[in-house]
């Protein structure tokens, strides 16, 4: 089994590298993540810069994984593996989030 271990690592890395490269080169559309960044309060001038930096990291990590150059570091540097710095429960001005709406209690005390 150990003689196949190296080939199994390569076989596991290559599909992941393909996804990173497709996303980095813009084959996978990024309009929804950009819109979500705007909804969470990121200034409109910073969104294109953040998308460019994210795509650059995707390309670098994709090639790193494909060629086996620091594969563990490449996975750790991948932007999707980073925790979001913005709060998850941001209040929307249109109150369209059904989880944030309050309901009246029907029980009277």
Protein backbone atom coordinates (compact mmCIF):
# COMPACT_ATOMS: atom_id res chain seq x y z
CA UNK A 1 0.00 0.00 0.00
CA UNK A 2 2.85 2.39 0.76
CA UNK A 3 4.14 2.21 -2.79
CA UNK A 4 0.85 3.71 -4.02
CA UNK A 5 0.76 6.45 -1.40
CA UNK A 6 2.71 8.97 -3.49
CA UNK A 7 0.48 8.43 -6.51
CA UNK A 8 -2.63 8.75 -4.37
CA UNK A 9 -1.44 12.14 -3.12
CA UNK A 10 -0.88 13.32 -6.69
CA UNK A 11 -4.30 11.98 -7.73
CA UNK A 12 -5.92 13.86 -4.86
CA UNK A 13 -4.02 17.10 -5.49
CA UNK A 14 -4.67 17.43 -9.22
CA UNK A 15 -8.49 17.84 -9.16
CA UNK A 16 -8.15 20.37 -6.37
CA UNK A 17 -5.53 22.26 -8.37
CA UNK A 18 -7.83 22.29 -11.41
CA UNK A 19 -10.63 23.87 -9.38
CA UNK A 20 -8.25 26.52 -8.00
CA UNK A 21 -6.95 27.34 -11.48
CA UNK A 22 -10.42 27.51 -13.04
CA UNK A 23 -11.53 29.88 -10.32
CA UNK A 24 -8.35 31.95 -10.56
CA UNK A 25 -8.56 32.42 -14.31
CA UNK A 26 -12.20 33.46 -14.10
CA UNK A 27 -13.87 30.43 -15.64
CA UNK A 28 -16.00 30.13 -12.50
CA UNK A 29 -18.09 33.29 -12.16
CA UNK A 30 -17.35 35.55 -9.18
CA UNK A 31 -20.27 37.99 -9.33
CA UNK A 32 -22.14 36.38 -6.42
CA UNK A 33 -19.16 36.55 -4.00
CA UNK A 34 -18.54 40.15 -5.06
CA UNK A 35 -22.18 41.03 -4.37
CA UNK A 36 -22.02 39.31 -0.99
CA UNK A 37 -18.93 41.33 -0.10
CA UNK A 38 -20.83 44.53 -0.89
CA UNK A 39 -23.82 43.37 1.16
CA UNK A 40 -21.58 42.68 4.15
CA UNK A 41 -20.25 46.22 4.16
CA UNK A 42 -16.99 46.05 2.20
CA UNK A 43 -16.44 49.42 0.46
CA UNK A 44 -17.14 49.31 -3.29
CA UNK A 45 -13.62 50.48 -4.12
CA UNK A 46 -12.01 47.61 -2.26
CA UNK A 47 -14.09 44.79 -3.79
CA UNK A 48 -12.23 44.69 -7.17
CA UNK A 49 -8.88 44.76 -5.39
CA UNK A 50 -9.93 41.96 -3.05
CA UNK A 51 -11.18 39.91 -6.01
CA UNK A 52 -7.87 40.46 -7.85
CA UNK A 53 -5.82 39.43 -4.82
CA UNK A 54 -8.05 36.39 -4.31
CA UNK A 55 -7.71 35.29 -7.93
CA UNK A 56 -3.94 35.78 -7.83
CA UNK A 57 -3.73 33.58 -4.74
CA UNK A 58 -5.93 30.99 -6.45
CA UNK A 59 -3.61 30.87 -9.47
CA UNK A 60 -0.45 30.66 -7.36
CA UNK A 61 -1.85 27.96 -5.09
CA UNK A 62 -3.31 26.07 -8.05
CA UNK A 63 0.06 25.88 -9.79
CA UNK A 64 1.75 25.04 -6.50
CA UNK A 65 -0.60 22.11 -5.98
CA UNK A 66 -0.37 20.94 -9.58
CA UNK A 67 3.42 20.85 -9.56
CA UNK A 68 3.80 19.75 -5.92
CA UNK A 69 5.57 22.93 -4.79
CA UNK A 70 4.85 23.34 -1.06
CA UNK A 71 1.42 21.67 -1.35
CA UNK A 72 0.53 22.02 2.34
CA UNK A 73 1.33 25.74 2.31
CA UNK A 74 -0.66 26.17 -0.89
CA UNK A 75 -3.77 24.69 0.69
CA UNK A 76 -3.34 26.85 3.78
CA UNK A 77 -2.89 30.02 1.69
CA UNK A 78 -5.96 29.33 -0.45
CA UNK A 79 -8.44 32.20 0.12
CA UNK A 80 -11.46 29.97 0.71
CA UNK A 81 -9.73 28.36 3.67
CA UNK A 82 -9.35 31.70 5.44
CA UNK A 83 -12.00 32.62 8.02
CA UNK A 84 -14.09 35.63 7.13
CA UNK A 85 -13.06 38.83 8.84
CA UNK A 86 -16.54 40.25 8.51
CA UNK A 87 -19.32 39.36 10.95
CA UNK A 88 -21.64 36.62 9.74
CA UNK A 89 -24.85 38.17 11.06
CA UNK A 90 -24.91 41.57 9.48
CA UNK A 91 -28.17 43.46 9.68
CA UNK A 92 -29.74 44.18 6.32
CA UNK A 93 -31.61 47.40 5.85
CA UNK A 94 -34.51 45.78 3.99
CA UNK A 95 -35.14 43.21 6.78
CA UNK A 96 -35.30 40.42 4.19
CA UNK A 97 -33.51 37.93 6.40
CA UNK A 98 -36.24 35.71 7.88
CA UNK A 99 -33.99 34.51 10.70
CA UNK A 100 -33.60 38.05 12.05
CA UNK A 101 -37.31 38.87 12.14
CA UNK A 102 -38.91 38.75 15.53
CA UNK A 103 -42.14 36.90 16.10
CA UNK A 104 -44.68 37.81 18.70
CA UNK A 105 -45.33 35.32 21.39
CA UNK A 106 -48.90 34.04 21.46
CA UNK A 107 -48.65 33.02 25.10
CA UNK A 108 -49.80 35.62 27.60
CA UNK A 109 -48.28 35.59 31.03
